[in-house]
Amino acid sequence: MYEVLCFVRVQFPDDPNVADMKYWYLCPFDDPCAGDRVIAPLGRHNHTQEGVICQVLNTEEYNAPFPIYLIKSIRKLIKQEC
């Protein structure tokens, strides 16, 4: 049986260089939701930046939205207050 992984699509609205782009990440934290903020590595130097989750996808590795060996992981999840 295959393990279900959590992928999140993140946008970095505070960075004008990538404000219009969205990136897929693996999320090792429980219950991420659209609107939650994250700290994630960005770019070839992996500098961490704060971004916003815009989509959550729970699926098996073989259905990953991007090649799994290229997907980076979220470093910190900042839950949105309800």
PDB file of N, CA and C in Angstrom:
ATOM      1  N   MET A   1       0.840  -1.179   0.000  1.00  0.00           N
ATOM      2  CA  MET A   1       0.000   0.000   0.000  1.00  0.00           C
ATOM      3  C   MET A   1       0.885   1.242   0.000  1.00  0.00           C
ATOM      4  N   TYR A   2       0.426   2.264  -0.697  1.00  0.00           N
ATOM      5  CA  TYR A   2       1.211   3.485  -0.822  1.00  0.00           C
ATOM      6  C   TYR A   2       0.890   4.473   0.300  1.00  0.00           C
ATOM      7  N   GLU A   3       1.921   5.197   0.721  1.00  0.00           N
ATOM      8  CA  GLU A   3       1.755   6.215   1.756  1.00  0.00           C
ATOM      9  C   GLU A   3       1.193   7.489   1.128  1.00  0.00           C
ATOM     10  N   VAL A   4       0.221   8.106   1.795  1.00  0.00           N
ATOM     11  CA  VAL A   4      -0.346   9.364   1.327  1.00  0.00           C
ATOM     12  C   VAL A   4       0.511  10.503   1.875  1.00  0.00           C
ATOM     13  N   LEU A   5       0.928  11.388   0.984  1.00  0.00           N
ATOM     14  CA  LEU A   5       1.748  12.535   1.355  1.00  0.00           C
ATOM     15  C   LEU A   5       0.921  13.809   1.218  1.00  0.00           C
ATOM     16  N   CYS A   6       1.329  14.827   1.951  1.00  0.00           N
ATOM     17  CA  CYS A   6       0.648  16.112   1.893  1.00  0.00           C
ATOM     18  C   CYS A   6       1.509  17.098   1.093  1.00  0.00           C
ATOM     19  N   PHE A   7       0.937  17.610   0.015  1.00  0.00           N
ATOM     20  CA  PHE A   7       1.593  18.617  -0.808  1.00  0.00           C
ATOM     21  C   PHE A   7       0.817  19.916  -0.660  1.00  0.00           C
ATOM     22  N   VAL A   8       1.540  21.033  -0.618  1.00  0.00           N
ATOM     23  CA  VAL A   8       0.881  22.338  -0.562  1.00  0.00           C
ATOM     24  C   VAL A   8       1.448  23.225  -1.664  1.00  0.00           C
ATOM     25  N   ARG A   9       0.561  24.017  -2.242  1.00  0.00           N
ATOM     26  CA  ARG A   9       0.969  24.974  -3.256  1.00  0.00           C
ATOM     27  C   ARG A   9       1.057  26.330  -2.583  1.00  0.00           C
ATOM     28  N   VAL A  10       2.215  26.972  -2.709  1.00  0.00           N
ATOM     29  CA  VAL A  10       2.508  28.184  -1.943  1.00  0.00           C
ATOM     30  C   VAL A  10       2.796  29.352  -2.879  1.00  0.00           C
ATOM     31  N   GLN A  11       2.299  30.504  -2.485  1.00  0.00           N
ATOM     32  CA  GLN A  11       2.572  31.752  -3.193  1.00  0.00           C
ATOM     33  C   GLN A  11       3.331  32.668  -2.242  1.00  0.00           C
ATOM     34  N   PHE A  12       4.233  33.475  -2.783  1.00  0.00           N
ATOM     35  CA  PHE A  12       5.042  34.398  -1.991  1.00  0.00           C
ATOM     36  C   PHE A  12       4.707  35.834  -2.399  1.00  0.00           C
ATOM     37  N   PRO A  13       3.589  36.374  -1.903  1.00  0.00           N
ATOM     38  CA  PRO A  13       3.118  37.689  -2.357  1.00  0.00           C
ATOM     39  C   PRO A  13       4.018  38.859  -1.953  1.00  0.00           C
ATOM     40  N   ASP A  14       4.857  38.681  -0.937  1.00  0.00           N
ATOM     41  CA  ASP A  14       5.718  39.773  -0.480  1.00  0.00           C
ATOM     42  C   ASP A  14       7.020  39.876  -1.271  1.00  0.00           C
ATOM     43  N   ASP A  15       7.280  38.913  -2.150  1.00  0.00           N
ATOM     44  CA  ASP A  15       8.496  38.928  -2.963  1.00  0.00           C
ATOM     45  C   ASP A  15       8.118  39.310  -4.390  1.00  0.00           C
ATOM     46  N   PRO A  16       8.443  40.525  -4.831  1.00  0.00           N
ATOM     47  CA  PRO A  16       8.034  40.979  -6.162  1.00  0.00           C
ATOM     48  C   PRO A  16       8.617  40.138  -7.305  1.00  0.00           C
ATOM     49  N   ASN A  17       9.705  39.432  -7.048  1.00  0.00           N
ATOM     50  CA  ASN A  17      10.323  38.604  -8.094  1.00  0.00           C
ATOM     51  C   ASN A  17       9.498  37.366  -8.424  1.00  0.00           C
ATOM     52  N   VAL A  18       8.721  36.869  -7.466  1.00  0.00           N
ATOM     53  CA  VAL A  18       7.951  35.630  -7.670  1.00  0.00           C
ATOM     54  C   VAL A  18       6.495  35.777  -7.233  1.00  0.00           C
ATOM     55  N   ALA A  19       6.014  37.004  -7.088  1.00  0.00           N
ATOM     56  CA  ALA A  19       4.672  37.249  -6.545  1.00  0.00           C
ATOM     57  C   ALA A  19       3.568  36.573  -7.355  1.00  0.00           C
ATOM     58  N   ASP A  20       3.740  36.421  -8.643  1.00  0.00           N
ATOM     59  CA  ASP A  20       2.707  35.828  -9.488  1.00  0.00           C
ATOM     60  C   ASP A  20       2.861  34.321  -9.659  1.00  0.00           C
ATOM     61  N   MET A  21       3.861  33.730  -9.052  1.00  0.00           N
ATOM     62  CA  MET A  21       4.137  32.307  -9.233  1.00  0.00           C
ATOM     63  C   MET A  21       3.707  31.507  -8.004  1.00  0.00           C
ATOM     64  N   LYS A  22       3.427  30.218  -8.239  1.00  0.00           N
ATOM     65  CA  LYS A  22       3.055  29.310  -7.152  1.00  0.00           C
ATOM     66  C   LYS A  22       3.963  28.094  -7.222  1.00  0.00           C
ATOM     67  N   TYR A  23       4.367  27.592  -6.054  1.00  0.00           N
ATOM     68  CA  TYR A  23       5.327  26.491  -5.968  1.00  0.00           C
ATOM     69  C   TYR A  23       4.766  25.360  -5.115  1.00  0.00           C
ATOM     70  N   TRP A  24       5.038  24.124  -5.507  1.00  0.00           N
ATOM     71  CA  TRP A  24       4.616  22.946  -4.732  1.00  0.00           C
ATOM     72  C   TRP A  24       5.687  22.574  -3.720  1.00  0.00           C
ATOM     73  N   TYR A  25       5.246  22.226  -2.513  1.00  0.00           N
ATOM     74  CA  TYR A  25       6.111  21.778  -1.426  1.00  0.00           C
ATOM     75  C   TYR A  25       5.502  20.560  -0.757  1.00  0.00           C
ATOM     76  N   LEU A  26       6.353  19.749  -0.151  1.00  0.00           N
ATOM     77  CA  LEU A  26       5.898  18.686   0.742  1.00  0.00           C
ATOM     78  C   LEU A  26       5.663  19.325   2.104  1.00  0.00           C
ATOM     79  N   CYS A  27       4.587  18.965   2.761  1.00  0.00           N
ATOM     80  CA  CYS A  27       4.284  19.538   4.075  1.00  0.00           C
ATOM     81  C   CYS A  27       4.292  18.434   5.127  1.00  0.00           C
ATOM     82  N   PRO A  28       5.285  18.421   6.022  1.00  0.00           N
ATOM     83  CA  PRO A  28       5.363  17.396   7.059  1.00  0.00           C
ATOM     84  C   PRO A  28       4.506  17.707   8.287  1.00  0.00           C
ATOM     85  N   PHE A  29       3.748  18.793   8.251  1.00  0.00           N
ATOM     86  CA  PHE A  29       2.941  19.206   9.402  1.00  0.00           C
ATOM     87  C   PHE A  29       1.491  18.764   9.233  1.00  0.00           C
ATOM     88  N   ASP A  30       0.787  18.627  10.351  1.00  0.00           N
ATOM     89  CA  ASP A  30      -0.605  18.178  10.334  1.00  0.00           C
ATOM     90  C   ASP A  30      -1.566  19.302   9.973  1.00  0.00           C
ATOM     91  N   ASP A  31      -2.554  18.962   9.185  1.00  0.00           N
ATOM     92  CA  ASP A  31      -3.705  19.805   8.872  1.00  0.00           C
ATOM     93  C   ASP A  31      -3.385  21.194   8.319  1.00  0.00           C
ATOM     94  N   PRO A  32      -2.569  21.301   7.273  1.00  0.00           N
ATOM     95  CA  PRO A  32      -2.400  22.617   6.661  1.00  0.00           C
ATOM     96  C   PRO A  32      -3.686  22.992   5.919  1.00  0.00           C
ATOM     97  N   CYS A  33      -3.984  24.268   5.877  1.00  0.00           N
ATOM     98  CA  CYS A  33      -5.190  24.758   5.196  1.00  0.00           C
ATOM     99  C   CYS A  33      -4.815  25.922   4.289  1.00  0.00           C
ATOM    100  N   ALA A  34      -5.602  26.120   3.247  1.00  0.00           N
ATOM    101  CA  ALA A  34      -5.419  27.296   2.404  1.00  0.00           C
ATOM    102  C   ALA A  34      -5.561  28.527   3.284  1.00  0.00           C
ATOM    103  N   GLY A  35      -4.650  29.465   3.115  1.00  0.00           N
ATOM    104  CA  GLY A  35      -4.648  30.674   3.934  1.00  0.00           C
ATOM    105  C   GLY A  35      -3.624  30.644   5.050  1.00  0.00           C
ATOM    106  N   ASP A  36      -3.168  29.443   5.445  1.00  0.00           N
ATOM    107  CA  ASP A  36      -2.111  29.346   6.459  1.00  0.00           C
ATOM    108  C   ASP A  36      -0.816  29.901   5.878  1.00  0.00           C
ATOM    109  N   ARG A  37       0.002  30.468   6.737  1.00  0.00           N
ATOM    110  CA  ARG A  37       1.308  30.975   6.310  1.00  0.00           C
ATOM    111  C   ARG A  37       2.360  29.907   6.601  1.00  0.00           C
ATOM    112  N   VAL A  38       3.422  29.930   5.802  1.00  0.00           N
ATOM    113  CA  VAL A  38       4.501  28.956   5.960  1.00  0.00           C
ATOM    114  C   VAL A  38       5.842  29.648   5.813  1.00  0.00           C
ATOM    115  N   ILE A  39       6.861  28.998   6.349  1.00  0.00           N
ATOM    116  CA  ILE A  39       8.246  29.375   6.086  1.00  0.00           C
ATOM    117  C   ILE A  39       8.795  28.257   5.206  1.00  0.00           C
ATOM    118  N   ALA A  40       9.315  28.639   4.031  1.00  0.00           N
ATOM    119  CA  ALA A  40       9.753  27.638   3.063  1.00  0.00           C
ATOM    120  C   ALA A  40      11.003  28.107   2.319  1.00  0.00           C
ATOM    121  N   PRO A  41      11.849  27.155   1.895  1.00  0.00           N
ATOM    122  CA  PRO A  41      13.019  27.519   1.105  1.00  0.00           C
ATOM    123  C   PRO A  41      12.590  27.905  -0.311  1.00  0.00           C
ATOM    124  N   LEU A  42      13.236  28.912  -0.857  1.00  0.00           N
ATOM    125  CA  LEU A  42      12.869  29.391  -2.189  1.00  0.00           C
ATOM    126  C   LEU A  42      14.125  29.665  -3.003  1.00  0.00           C
ATOM    127  N   GLY A  43      14.080  29.288  -4.249  1.00  0.00           N
ATOM    128  CA  GLY A  43      15.185  29.573  -5.158  1.00  0.00           C
ATOM    129  C   GLY A  43      16.335  28.590  -5.030  1.00  0.00           C
ATOM    130  N   ARG A  44      17.324  28.788  -5.871  1.00  0.00           N
ATOM    131  CA  ARG A  44      18.441  27.842  -5.893  1.00  0.00           C
ATOM    132  C   ARG A  44      19.318  27.893  -4.640  1.00  0.00           C
ATOM    133  N   HIS A  45      19.245  29.005  -3.898  1.00  0.00           N
ATOM    134  CA  HIS A  45      20.038  29.124  -2.671  1.00  0.00           C
ATOM    135  C   HIS A  45      19.241  28.720  -1.436  1.00  0.00           C
ATOM    136  N   ASN A  46      17.974  28.376  -1.611  1.00  0.00           N
ATOM    137  CA  ASN A  46      17.113  27.903  -0.524  1.00  0.00           C
ATOM    138  C   ASN A  46      16.985  28.889   0.639  1.00  0.00           C
ATOM    139  N   HIS A  47      16.990  30.179   0.332  1.00  0.00           N
ATOM    140  CA  HIS A  47      16.745  31.169   1.379  1.00  0.00           C
ATOM    141  C   HIS A  47      15.284  31.026   1.813  1.00  0.00           C
ATOM    142  N   THR A  48      15.048  31.036   3.112  1.00  0.00           N
ATOM    143  CA  THR A  48      13.680  30.852   3.588  1.00  0.00           C
ATOM    144  C   THR A  48      12.909  32.163   3.502  1.00  0.00           C
ATOM    145  N   GLN A  49      11.643  32.027   3.110  1.00  0.00           N
ATOM    146  CA  GLN A  49      10.749  33.167   3.008  1.00  0.00           C
ATOM    147  C   GLN A  49       9.375  32.771   3.516  1.00  0.00           C
ATOM    148  N   GLU A  50       8.601  33.770   3.872  1.00  0.00           N
ATOM    149  CA  GLU A  50       7.237  33.514   4.315  1.00  0.00           C
ATOM    150  C   GLU A  50       6.303  33.555   3.107  1.00  0.00           C
ATOM    151  N   GLY A  51       5.454  32.540   3.025  1.00  0.00           N
ATOM    152  CA  GLY A  51       4.492  32.457   1.941  1.00  0.00           C
ATOM    153  C   GLY A  51       3.123  32.075   2.474  1.00  0.00           C
ATOM    154  N   VAL A  52       2.176  31.947   1.555  1.00  0.00           N
ATOM    155  CA  VAL A  52       0.794  31.620   1.903  1.00  0.00           C
ATOM    156  C   VAL A  52       0.366  30.387   1.116  1.00  0.00           C
ATOM    157  N   ILE A  53      -0.236  29.421   1.823  1.00  0.00           N
ATOM    158  CA  ILE A  53      -0.748  28.225   1.156  1.00  0.00           C
ATOM    159  C   ILE A  53      -1.999  28.596   0.373  1.00  0.00           C
ATOM    160  N   CYS A  54      -2.036  28.208  -0.896  1.00  0.00           N
ATOM    161  CA  CYS A  54      -3.233  28.474  -1.699  1.00  0.00           C
ATOM    162  C   CYS A  54      -3.938  27.184  -2.114  1.00  0.00           C
ATOM    163  N   GLN A  55      -3.281  26.021  -1.915  1.00  0.00           N
ATOM    164  CA  GLN A  55      -3.915  24.744  -2.250  1.00  0.00           C
ATOM    165  C   GLN A  55      -3.259  23.629  -1.450  1.00  0.00           C
ATOM    166  N   VAL A  56      -4.058  22.657  -1.027  1.00  0.00           N
ATOM    167  CA  VAL A  56      -3.565  21.480  -0.304  1.00  0.00           C
ATOM    168  C   VAL A  56      -3.977  20.251  -1.096  1.00  0.00           C
ATOM    169  N   LEU A  57      -3.034  19.316  -1.273  1.00  0.00           N
ATOM    170  CA  LEU A  57      -3.302  18.086  -2.016  1.00  0.00           C
ATOM    171  C   LEU A  57      -2.734  16.910  -1.226  1.00  0.00           C
ATOM    172  N   ASN A  58      -3.594  15.994  -0.813  1.00  0.00           N
ATOM    173  CA  ASN A  58      -3.164  14.774  -0.136  1.00  0.00           C
ATOM    174  C   ASN A  58      -3.281  13.630  -1.142  1.00  0.00           C
ATOM    175  N   THR A  59      -2.141  13.045  -1.504  1.00  0.00           N
ATOM    176  CA  THR A  59      -2.137  11.993  -2.509  1.00  0.00           C
ATOM    177  C   THR A  59      -0.895  11.118  -2.366  1.00  0.00           C
ATOM    178  N   GLU A  60      -0.868  10.029  -3.101  1.00  0.00           N
ATOM    179  CA  GLU A  60       0.267   9.125  -3.082  1.00  0.00           C
ATOM    180  C   GLU A  60       1.441   9.745  -3.848  1.00  0.00           C
ATOM    181  N   GLU A  61       2.642   9.272  -3.544  1.00  0.00           N
ATOM    182  CA  GLU A  61       3.853   9.799  -4.160  1.00  0.00           C
ATOM    183  C   GLU A  61       3.797   9.736  -5.684  1.00  0.00           C
ATOM    184  N   TYR A  62       3.231   8.661  -6.225  1.00  0.00           N
ATOM    185  CA  TYR A  62       3.202   8.519  -7.681  1.00  0.00           C
ATOM    186  C   TYR A  62       2.246   9.503  -8.357  1.00  0.00           C
ATOM    187  N   ASN A  63       1.391  10.166  -7.581  1.00  0.00           N
ATOM    188  CA  ASN A  63       0.498  11.205  -8.105  1.00  0.00           C
ATOM    189  C   ASN A  63       0.971  12.606  -7.731  1.00  0.00           C
ATOM    190  N   ALA A  64       2.217  12.744  -7.334  1.00  0.00           N
ATOM    191  CA  ALA A  64       2.746  14.044  -6.915  1.00  0.00           C
ATOM    192  C   ALA A  64       2.537  15.076  -8.027  1.00  0.00           C
ATOM    193  N   PRO A  65       2.252  16.327  -7.664  1.00  0.00           N
ATOM    194  CA  PRO A  65       1.990  17.366  -8.661  1.00  0.00           C
ATOM    195  C   PRO A  65       3.243  17.845  -9.391  1.00  0.00           C
ATOM    196  N   PHE A  66       4.394  17.392  -8.959  1.00  0.00           N
ATOM    197  CA  PHE A  66       5.684  17.788  -9.523  1.00  0.00           C
ATOM    198  C   PHE A  66       6.622  16.629  -9.234  1.00  0.00           C
ATOM    199  N   PRO A  67       7.689  16.422 -10.001  1.00  0.00           N
ATOM    200  CA  PRO A  67       8.599  15.311  -9.690  1.00  0.00           C
ATOM    201  C   PRO A  67       9.070  15.363  -8.235  1.00  0.00           C
ATOM    202  N   ILE A  68       8.860  14.277  -7.537  1.00  0.00           N
ATOM    203  CA  ILE A  68       9.077  14.235  -6.089  1.00  0.00           C
ATOM    204  C   ILE A  68      10.516  14.577  -5.694  1.00  0.00           C
ATOM    205  N   TYR A  69      11.474  14.219  -6.525  1.00  0.00           N
ATOM    206  CA  TYR A  69      12.867  14.485  -6.174  1.00  0.00           C
ATOM    207  C   TYR A  69      13.214  15.977  -6.284  1.00  0.00           C
ATOM    208  N   LEU A  70      12.346  16.766  -6.880  1.00  0.00           N
ATOM    209  CA  LEU A  70      12.569  18.205  -7.001  1.00  0.00           C
ATOM    210  C   LEU A  70      11.774  19.031  -5.986  1.00  0.00           C
ATOM    211  N   ILE A  71      10.875  18.385  -5.254  1.00  0.00           N
ATOM    212  CA  ILE A  71      10.013  19.123  -4.328  1.00  0.00           C
ATOM    213  C   ILE A  71      10.723  19.336  -2.990  1.00  0.00           C
ATOM    214  N   LYS A  72      10.732  20.581  -2.550  1.00  0.00           N
ATOM    215  CA  LYS A  72      11.317  20.938  -1.256  1.00  0.00           C
ATOM    216  C   LYS A  72      10.253  20.800  -0.175  1.00  0.00           C
ATOM    217  N   SER A  73      10.666  20.902   1.077  1.00  0.00           N
ATOM    218  CA  SER A  73       9.739  20.748   2.207  1.00  0.00           C
ATOM    219  C   SER A  73       9.538  22.054   2.954  1.00  0.00           C
ATOM    220  N   ILE A  74       8.331  22.203   3.460  1.00  0.00           N
ATOM    221  CA  ILE A  74       7.995  23.349   4.313  1.00  0.00           C
ATOM    222  C   ILE A  74       8.813  23.233   5.593  1.00  0.00           C
ATOM    223  N   ARG A  75       9.343  24.349   6.070  1.00  0.00           N
ATOM    224  CA  ARG A  75      10.137  24.346   7.299  1.00  0.00           C
ATOM    225  C   ARG A  75       9.285  24.633   8.530  1.00  0.00           C
ATOM    226  N   LYS A  76       8.251  25.480   8.362  1.00  0.00           N
ATOM    227  CA  LYS A  76       7.417  25.849   9.503  1.00  0.00           C
ATOM    228  C   LYS A  76       6.018  26.202   9.000  1.00  0.00           C
ATOM    229  N   LEU A  77       5.003  25.770   9.744  1.00  0.00           N
ATOM    230  CA  LEU A  77       3.614  26.079   9.432  1.00  0.00           C
ATOM    231  C   LEU A  77       3.093  27.055  10.474  1.00  0.00           C
ATOM    232  N   ILE A  78       2.508  28.153  10.018  1.00  0.00           N
ATOM    233  CA  ILE A  78       1.942  29.175  10.900  1.00  0.00           C
ATOM    234  C   ILE A  78       0.443  29.157  10.662  1.00  0.00           C
ATOM    235  N   LYS A  79      -0.287  28.514  11.570  1.00  0.00           N
ATOM    236  CA  LYS A  79      -1.729  28.338  11.400  1.00  0.00           C
ATOM    237  C   LYS A  79      -2.451  29.679  11.462  1.00  0.00           C
ATOM    238  N   GLN A  80      -3.433  29.806  10.590  1.00  0.00           N
ATOM    239  CA  GLN A  80      -4.282  30.992  10.556  1.00  0.00           C
ATOM    240  C   GLN A  80      -5.274  30.921  11.705  1.00  0.00           C
ATOM    241  N   GLU A  81      -5.470  32.017  12.394  1.00  0.00           N
ATOM    242  CA  GLU A  81      -6.453  32.054  13.480  1.00  0.00           C
ATOM    243  C   GLU A  81      -7.851  32.092  12.891  1.00  0.00           C
ATOM    244  N   CYS A  82      -8.737  31.266  13.424  1.00  0.00           N
ATOM    245  CA  CYS A  82     -10.111  31.227  12.918  1.00  0.00           C
ATOM    246  C   CYS A  82     -11.003  32.179  13.680  1.00  0.00           C
TER     247      CYS A  82
END
